[in-house]
Amino acid sequence: MAKDTSDLDAVMKENVNCRCFPSGAVIWIGLKGKTFFQGSYGFLQVVPRREKMHFHTIFDLASLTKPLATAMAVMVLHQEKVLKLGDPVSRYLPEFRGQPNGAASLEELLTHTAGLPSWYPLYLLGGNCRTGYLSRAHIRDKAVNYSCLGYVILGEIIAEVTDMRLDRFCHSRIFKKARLNNTLFCPGAKPSIAATEFGNEHEKQKVRRYQNNKNSARRVQWRNYVLRGEVHDGNCYYAYRGVSGNAGLFSNATDLAKFLNAYINGDVVSMQSVANMTRNHTGRMGSERFGLGWKVDMYPGALSTRSFGHTGFTGTMICVDPARELVVVFLANSVHPRVRLGIMPLIRKKIIESVVKAI
């Protein structure tokens, strides 16, 4: 390990030792196409027993699914002229015709400007009711509102136009092409996978205020064990059996490093698509700026305005700064064994600042 990475190594160890993560993490940093720093820290599981983290540990990526699977699939289909970004949802999903969200464009879904609510427990609704809710639930127009529901819809569109479930399309057309070995949906219980929450206690508490709604009366068979190899996200697990446009993807640092390097070199989608996906489509309409699938300019002052990336609720983050030829993959199981809200933003920022200092 080079001398100028000692501060970064210290930051990682400090956060593990004080249980900020609170169990463990993996980090990989690429600079100019080569590995600059990598390491594993802490434990991939602490309940019911401790298991040491290793660099090849597979993580539940949570919302990293949005850019890496869903948005990437949309852009592959856009390049092949199967989808048009300016088309309304209703062109591809007939159930949306005549409904408020039927007029939303695919680009608006990708950039979180379609006016959809951020979240709803869709698993409280039956299948037909879910579609009805997704087609009608609308809050406002032309404003940035980060929405998991918009990406659920995109996942349904991909399945409709390809006649393939999102996981199968991504495996055959994206992940296999990039020669990824550990990037998949629904991996099942494996010893190489980091644990997440003990059950779904966090989501169970969130859902209580919706269960008095007469249209949301479905009972949920909540999981009451340590989640490992099963997606943490409730909508993905309970409503879509582990495969949805908003969550469900698993991977490790090795695969993500390989994938991101291939992506920025135009080997996953064209360089024109990369440029379109990673530019700022939303201006300064909100606190976050979005490209197509990506958050852009995530750490102003630390990284260049050309930087892009995404975060995941389970503690994951990827970040790319083309101006520095820098790629950061940071994977933590911060919701294990329980969810603690608000702990990751400052940790991620501190890591990015330490990376910039190191390079």
Protein backbone atom coordinates (compact mmCIF):
# COMPACT_ATOMS: atom_id res chain seq x y z
CA MET A 1 0.00 0.00 0.00
CA ALA A 2 1.44 3.35 -1.03
CA LYS A 3 2.27 5.87 1.67
CA ASP A 4 -0.21 8.47 0.44
CA THR A 5 -3.17 6.16 1.13
CA SER A 6 -2.49 5.89 4.86
CA ASP A 7 -5.07 8.56 5.74
CA LEU A 8 -7.72 6.78 3.70
CA ASP A 9 -6.90 3.46 5.34
CA ALA A 10 -7.14 5.19 8.74
CA VAL A 11 -10.57 6.65 7.88
CA MET A 12 -11.87 3.20 6.95
CA LYS A 13 -10.49 1.60 10.11
CA GLU A 14 -11.80 4.42 12.28
CA ASN A 15 -15.35 4.04 10.97
CA VAL A 16 -15.30 0.28 11.52
CA ASN A 17 -13.76 0.51 14.98
CA CYS A 18 -16.31 3.07 16.16
CA ARG A 19 -19.05 1.00 14.49
CA CYS A 20 -20.18 3.82 12.25
CA PHE A 21 -20.81 1.41 9.38
CA PRO A 22 -21.63 -0.39 11.79
CA SER A 23 -20.31 -3.81 10.76
CA GLY A 24 -17.96 -3.72 7.76
CA ALA A 25 -17.06 -2.38 4.34
CA VAL A 26 -15.07 -2.90 1.15
CA ILE A 27 -13.48 -0.15 -0.92
CA TRP A 28 -11.84 -0.06 -4.35
CA ILE A 29 -10.34 3.04 -5.95
CA GLY A 30 -9.26 3.18 -9.55
CA LEU A 31 -7.08 5.93 -10.99
CA LYS A 32 -6.31 6.25 -14.70
CA GLY A 33 -7.64 2.76 -15.35
CA LYS A 34 -5.55 1.02 -12.67
CA THR A 35 -6.11 0.00 -9.07
CA PHE A 36 -4.93 2.77 -6.74
CA PHE A 37 -6.23 1.38 -3.44
CA GLN A 38 -8.38 -1.46 -2.19
CA GLY A 39 -9.24 -2.99 1.13
CA SER A 40 -11.77 -4.83 3.25
CA TYR A 41 -12.67 -3.96 6.84
CA GLY A 42 -14.73 -5.34 9.69
CA PHE A 43 -17.34 -8.05 9.30
CA LEU A 44 -19.79 -9.12 6.62
CA GLN A 45 -22.05 -10.34 9.43
CA VAL A 46 -22.11 -9.79 13.20
CA VAL A 47 -25.46 -11.43 14.02
CA PRO A 48 -25.98 -14.26 14.85
CA ARG A 49 -22.19 -14.75 14.62
CA ARG A 50 -19.26 -12.72 13.37
CA GLU A 51 -17.86 -13.45 9.92
CA LYS A 52 -14.87 -11.51 8.63
CA MET A 53 -15.30 -9.25 5.62
CA HIS A 54 -13.24 -10.08 2.54
CA PHE A 55 -12.62 -8.08 -0.61
CA HIS A 56 -14.76 -10.30 -2.85
CA THR A 57 -17.83 -10.11 -0.58
CA ILE A 58 -21.08 -9.67 -2.51
CA PHE A 59 -23.42 -6.87 -1.36
CA ASP A 60 -27.08 -5.99 -1.79
CA LEU A 61 -26.59 -2.88 -3.95
CA ALA A 62 -30.09 -1.44 -3.26
CA SER A 63 -30.62 1.67 -5.42
CA LEU A 64 -27.42 1.17 -7.40
CA THR A 65 -29.79 -1.11 -9.34
CA LYS A 66 -31.29 2.03 -10.88
CA PRO A 67 -28.27 3.17 -12.94
CA LEU A 68 -26.44 -0.17 -13.28
CA ALA A 69 -29.38 -2.31 -14.40
CA THR A 70 -32.54 -0.35 -15.17
CA ALA A 71 -31.16 2.82 -16.79
CA MET A 72 -28.50 0.79 -18.58
CA ALA A 73 -31.16 -1.53 -20.01
CA VAL A 74 -33.24 1.44 -21.15
CA MET A 75 -30.23 2.92 -22.95
CA VAL A 76 -29.40 -0.39 -24.66
CA LEU A 77 -32.97 -0.55 -25.94
CA HIS A 78 -32.86 3.15 -26.88
CA GLN A 79 -29.73 2.56 -28.97
CA GLU A 80 -31.53 -0.29 -30.72
CA LYS A 81 -34.52 2.02 -31.36
CA VAL A 82 -36.84 -0.24 -29.34
CA LEU A 83 -37.49 2.59 -26.87
CA LYS A 84 -37.55 6.35 -27.35
CA LEU A 85 -36.71 8.49 -24.33
CA GLY A 86 -39.29 11.12 -25.24
CA ASP A 87 -42.14 8.61 -25.57
CA PRO A 88 -44.89 8.52 -22.93
CA VAL A 89 -45.23 5.53 -20.62
CA SER A 90 -48.66 4.80 -22.12
CA ARG A 91 -47.06 3.86 -25.44
CA TYR A 92 -45.49 0.83 -23.78
CA LEU A 93 -47.89 0.07 -20.91
CA PRO A 94 -51.52 0.20 -22.15
CA GLU A 95 -52.85 0.19 -18.56
CA PHE A 96 -51.45 3.72 -18.17
CA ARG A 97 -53.49 5.21 -21.01
CA GLY A 98 -55.69 8.05 -19.86
CA GLN A 99 -54.06 8.09 -16.42
CA PRO A 100 -51.93 10.95 -14.96
CA ASN A 101 -48.66 9.05 -15.23
CA GLY A 102 -49.37 7.73 -18.69
CA ALA A 103 -48.16 11.02 -20.15
CA ALA A 104 -44.81 10.92 -18.31
CA SER A 105 -41.87 10.32 -20.62
CA LEU A 106 -39.20 7.70 -20.11
CA GLU A 107 -36.68 10.52 -19.74
CA GLU A 108 -38.74 12.04 -16.93
CA LEU A 109 -38.81 8.69 -15.13
CA LEU A 110 -35.04 8.35 -15.53
CA THR A 111 -34.40 11.87 -14.18
CA HIS A 112 -36.96 11.74 -11.34
CA THR A 113 -39.00 14.59 -12.86
CA ALA A 114 -42.21 12.67 -13.66
CA GLY A 115 -44.04 13.89 -10.54
CA LEU A 116 -44.26 10.49 -8.88
CA PRO A 117 -44.23 9.97 -5.11
CA SER A 118 -40.93 8.86 -3.66
CA TRP A 119 -42.26 5.58 -2.27
CA TYR A 120 -45.32 3.52 -1.47
CA PRO A 121 -45.56 -0.05 -0.06
CA LEU A 122 -46.88 -1.62 -3.27
CA TYR A 123 -46.92 -5.07 -1.65
CA LEU A 124 -49.97 -3.98 0.36
CA LEU A 125 -51.88 -3.94 -2.92
CA GLY A 126 -52.91 -6.77 -5.23
CA GLY A 127 -51.24 -7.02 -8.65
CA ASN A 128 -53.91 -5.10 -10.58
CA CYS A 129 -54.17 -2.50 -7.83
CA ARG A 130 -50.42 -1.95 -7.98
CA THR A 131 -50.60 -1.05 -11.65
CA GLY A 132 -53.56 1.22 -10.95
CA TYR A 133 -51.69 2.99 -8.17
CA LEU A 134 -48.54 3.44 -10.27
CA SER A 135 -50.56 4.89 -13.14
CA ARG A 136 -52.43 7.43 -10.98
CA ALA A 137 -50.19 8.43 -8.05
CA HIS A 138 -48.98 11.93 -8.90
CA ILE A 139 -47.72 14.79 -6.76
CA ARG A 140 -46.42 17.58 -8.98
CA ASP A 141 -45.02 18.38 -12.41
CA LYS A 142 -41.55 19.28 -13.67
CA ALA A 143 -39.82 19.18 -10.30
CA VAL A 144 -37.11 16.83 -9.06
CA ASN A 145 -38.52 14.24 -6.67
CA TYR A 146 -36.40 11.13 -6.24
CA SER A 147 -38.77 8.25 -6.87
CA CYS A 148 -38.28 4.51 -6.50
CA LEU A 149 -41.70 4.08 -8.09
CA GLY A 150 -40.57 5.62 -11.37
CA TYR A 151 -37.90 2.93 -11.68
CA VAL A 152 -40.40 0.20 -10.85
CA ILE A 153 -42.36 1.44 -13.88
CA LEU A 154 -39.22 1.43 -16.04
CA GLY A 155 -38.57 -2.17 -15.02
CA GLU A 156 -42.09 -3.08 -16.14
CA ILE A 157 -41.57 -1.31 -19.48
CA ILE A 158 -38.35 -3.26 -20.12
CA ALA A 159 -40.13 -6.54 -19.39
CA GLU A 160 -43.03 -5.56 -21.66
CA VAL A 161 -40.98 -4.61 -24.74
CA THR A 162 -38.43 -7.44 -24.45
CA ASP A 163 -40.73 -10.18 -23.18
CA MET A 164 -37.99 -10.84 -20.63
CA ARG A 165 -37.86 -10.10 -16.93
CA LEU A 166 -35.39 -7.36 -16.04
CA ASP A 167 -32.88 -9.75 -14.47
CA ARG A 168 -32.77 -11.99 -17.53
CA PHE A 169 -32.40 -9.07 -19.93
CA CYS A 170 -29.60 -7.53 -17.89
CA HIS A 171 -27.78 -10.84 -17.56
CA SER A 172 -27.90 -11.70 -21.25
CA ARG A 173 -27.45 -8.25 -22.77
CA ILE A 174 -25.34 -6.31 -20.23
CA PHE A 175 -23.62 -8.28 -17.47
CA LYS A 176 -22.59 -11.24 -19.64
CA LYS A 177 -21.21 -8.85 -22.27
CA ALA A 178 -19.11 -7.14 -19.58
CA ARG A 179 -17.91 -10.58 -18.33
CA LEU A 180 -19.21 -10.06 -14.81
CA ASN A 181 -19.13 -13.13 -12.58
CA ASN A 182 -20.89 -12.00 -9.41
CA THR A 183 -23.51 -9.47 -10.55
CA LEU A 184 -27.03 -10.82 -10.39
CA PHE A 185 -30.52 -10.65 -8.92
CA CYS A 186 -31.75 -13.20 -6.36
CA PRO A 187 -28.41 -14.83 -5.51
CA GLY A 188 -29.80 -16.86 -2.63
CA ALA A 189 -27.98 -17.63 0.61
CA LYS A 190 -24.23 -17.87 0.04
CA PRO A 191 -21.36 -17.51 2.51
CA SER A 192 -19.77 -14.79 0.35
CA ILE A 193 -22.74 -12.40 0.73
CA ALA A 194 -22.88 -9.61 3.31
CA ALA A 195 -25.83 -9.64 5.68
CA THR A 196 -28.30 -6.76 5.89
CA GLU A 197 -31.08 -6.18 8.41
CA PHE A 198 -32.46 -8.62 10.94
CA GLY A 199 -35.91 -8.92 9.35
CA ASN A 200 -37.61 -5.86 7.90
CA GLU A 201 -38.19 -3.95 11.14
CA HIS A 202 -37.45 -0.54 9.60
CA GLU A 203 -39.91 -1.02 6.76
CA LYS A 204 -42.45 -2.63 9.06
CA GLN A 205 -42.56 0.58 11.08
CA LYS A 206 -42.87 2.74 7.94
CA VAL A 207 -45.80 0.71 6.65
CA ARG A 208 -48.00 1.04 9.73
CA ARG A 209 -49.54 4.34 8.62
CA TYR A 210 -50.63 2.78 5.31
CA GLN A 211 -52.26 -0.36 6.68
CA ASN A 212 -55.39 1.42 7.90
CA ASN A 213 -56.22 2.30 4.30
CA LYS A 214 -59.09 0.07 3.15
CA ASN A 215 -57.36 -0.26 -0.22
CA SER A 216 -54.17 -1.46 1.44
CA ALA A 217 -55.37 -4.39 3.49
CA ARG A 218 -53.05 -7.19 2.34
CA ARG A 219 -51.23 -8.88 5.17
CA VAL A 220 -47.46 -9.12 4.93
CA GLN A 221 -45.54 -12.18 6.02
CA TRP A 222 -42.65 -10.18 7.42
CA ARG A 223 -39.25 -11.83 7.46
CA ASN A 224 -37.92 -12.45 10.97
CA TYR A 225 -34.38 -13.58 10.28
CA VAL A 226 -31.09 -12.05 9.15
CA LEU A 227 -31.42 -11.12 5.49
CA ARG A 228 -28.58 -12.56 3.45
CA GLY A 229 -28.85 -13.20 -0.26
CA GLU A 230 -32.40 -11.81 -0.23
CA VAL A 231 -33.00 -8.23 -1.30
CA HIS A 232 -33.56 -5.88 1.62
CA ASP A 233 -36.01 -3.59 -0.21
CA GLY A 234 -39.61 -4.49 0.63
CA ASN A 235 -41.24 -3.60 -2.68
CA CYS A 236 -38.67 -5.60 -4.59
CA TYR A 237 -38.94 -8.63 -2.31
CA TYR A 238 -42.64 -8.79 -1.43
CA ALA A 239 -44.22 -7.34 -4.58
CA TYR A 240 -41.78 -8.39 -7.32
CA ARG A 241 -40.08 -11.53 -5.98
CA GLY A 242 -36.62 -10.01 -5.85
CA VAL A 243 -36.53 -8.37 -9.28
CA SER A 244 -37.62 -4.77 -9.83
CA GLY A 245 -36.34 -1.62 -11.47
CA ASN A 246 -35.61 0.15 -8.20
CA ALA A 247 -33.63 -2.50 -6.30
CA GLY A 248 -32.58 -6.15 -6.25
CA LEU A 249 -29.12 -6.20 -7.82
CA PHE A 250 -26.19 -7.81 -5.98
CA SER A 251 -22.50 -7.48 -6.85
CA ASN A 252 -19.00 -7.10 -5.44
CA ALA A 253 -16.21 -4.55 -5.79
CA THR A 254 -14.30 -6.59 -8.38
CA ASP A 255 -17.26 -6.75 -10.76
CA LEU A 256 -18.24 -3.13 -10.20
CA ALA A 257 -14.70 -1.93 -10.91
CA LYS A 258 -14.64 -3.94 -14.13
CA PHE A 259 -18.12 -2.76 -15.13
CA LEU A 260 -17.51 0.94 -14.47
CA ASN A 261 -14.22 0.90 -16.39
CA ALA A 262 -15.98 -0.79 -19.32
CA TYR A 263 -18.85 1.69 -19.11
CA ILE A 264 -16.76 4.87 -19.22
CA ASN A 265 -14.83 3.44 -22.18
CA GLY A 266 -18.02 2.89 -24.18
CA ASP A 267 -17.94 -0.91 -23.96
CA VAL A 268 -21.37 -1.27 -22.30
CA VAL A 269 -23.32 1.43 -24.15
CA SER A 270 -21.99 3.87 -26.73
CA MET A 271 -19.90 6.88 -25.73
CA GLN A 272 -22.77 9.06 -26.95
CA SER A 273 -25.09 7.27 -24.50
CA VAL A 274 -22.53 7.62 -21.70
CA ALA A 275 -22.33 11.37 -22.35
CA ASN A 276 -26.12 11.66 -22.39
CA MET A 277 -26.55 9.62 -19.21
CA THR A 278 -23.93 11.50 -17.20
CA ARG A 279 -24.78 15.11 -18.07
CA ASN A 280 -27.00 17.22 -15.84
CA HIS A 281 -30.60 16.97 -17.11
CA THR A 282 -32.27 18.72 -14.19
CA GLY A 283 -30.23 21.90 -13.76
CA ARG A 284 -30.58 23.26 -10.25
CA MET A 285 -34.25 22.39 -9.72
CA GLY A 286 -33.55 20.58 -6.45
CA SER A 287 -30.88 19.70 -3.94
CA GLU A 288 -29.82 16.77 -6.12
CA ARG A 289 -28.96 16.87 -9.83
CA PHE A 290 -29.73 13.96 -12.11
CA GLY A 291 -28.63 12.55 -15.40
CA LEU A 292 -30.25 9.46 -16.91
CA GLY A 293 -30.05 7.02 -14.00
CA TRP A 294 -27.11 8.77 -12.37
CA LYS A 295 -26.80 11.47 -9.76
CA VAL A 296 -24.40 14.08 -11.11
CA ASP A 297 -22.07 16.52 -9.37
CA MET A 298 -22.64 14.65 -6.10
CA TYR A 299 -19.76 16.21 -4.16
CA PRO A 300 -19.29 19.78 -5.39
CA GLY A 301 -15.97 21.22 -4.34
CA ALA A 302 -14.42 17.80 -3.83
CA LEU A 303 -15.04 16.36 -7.31
CA SER A 304 -15.50 18.01 -10.68
CA THR A 305 -18.90 19.01 -12.06
CA ARG A 306 -18.53 16.12 -14.53
CA SER A 307 -18.62 13.55 -11.73
CA PHE A 308 -21.49 11.09 -11.45
CA GLY A 309 -22.52 8.17 -9.27
CA HIS A 310 -25.23 6.82 -7.01
CA THR A 311 -25.84 5.56 -3.49
CA GLY A 312 -27.86 2.70 -2.04
CA PHE A 313 -29.87 2.48 1.19
CA THR A 314 -27.93 -0.58 2.38
CA GLY A 315 -24.72 1.51 2.56
CA THR A 316 -23.39 1.26 -0.99
CA MET A 317 -21.89 3.95 -3.25
CA ILE A 318 -20.20 4.27 -6.62
CA CYS A 319 -18.70 7.52 -7.86
CA VAL A 320 -16.80 8.42 -11.04
CA ASP A 321 -14.93 11.62 -11.83
CA PRO A 322 -13.89 11.59 -15.51
CA ALA A 323 -11.86 14.78 -15.04
CA ARG A 324 -9.54 12.92 -12.65
CA GLU A 325 -9.97 9.49 -14.27
CA LEU A 326 -11.12 8.41 -10.83
CA VAL A 327 -13.51 5.57 -9.91
CA VAL A 328 -14.63 4.90 -6.33
CA VAL A 329 -16.52 1.77 -5.27
CA PHE A 330 -17.52 1.78 -1.60
CA LEU A 331 -19.69 -1.04 -0.26
CA ALA A 332 -20.85 -1.21 3.37
CA ASN A 333 -23.57 -3.28 5.02
CA SER A 334 -24.62 -0.33 7.16
CA VAL A 335 -28.14 -1.65 7.82
CA HIS A 336 -26.82 -4.76 9.57
CA PRO A 337 -28.06 -5.83 12.02
CA ARG A 338 -30.50 -2.88 12.19
CA VAL A 339 -31.19 0.28 10.24
CA ARG A 340 -29.75 3.52 11.58
CA LEU A 341 -30.89 6.44 9.49
CA GLY A 342 -28.61 9.32 8.58
CA ILE A 343 -25.24 7.73 9.34
CA MET A 344 -23.95 7.24 5.79
CA PRO A 345 -23.98 10.67 4.04
CA LEU A 346 -21.23 12.13 6.23
CA ILE A 347 -19.18 8.92 6.05
CA ARG A 348 -19.41 8.85 2.25
CA LYS A 349 -18.41 12.52 2.05
CA LYS A 350 -15.45 11.93 4.37
CA ILE A 351 -14.32 8.99 2.23
CA ILE A 352 -14.53 11.04 -0.98
CA GLU A 353 -12.54 13.84 0.63
CA SER A 354 -9.93 11.33 1.82
CA VAL A 355 -9.71 9.82 -1.66
CA VAL A 356 -9.18 13.22 -3.26
CA LYS A 357 -6.49 14.01 -0.70
CA ALA A 358 -4.77 10.69 -1.37
CA ILE A 359 -4.59 11.16 -5.14
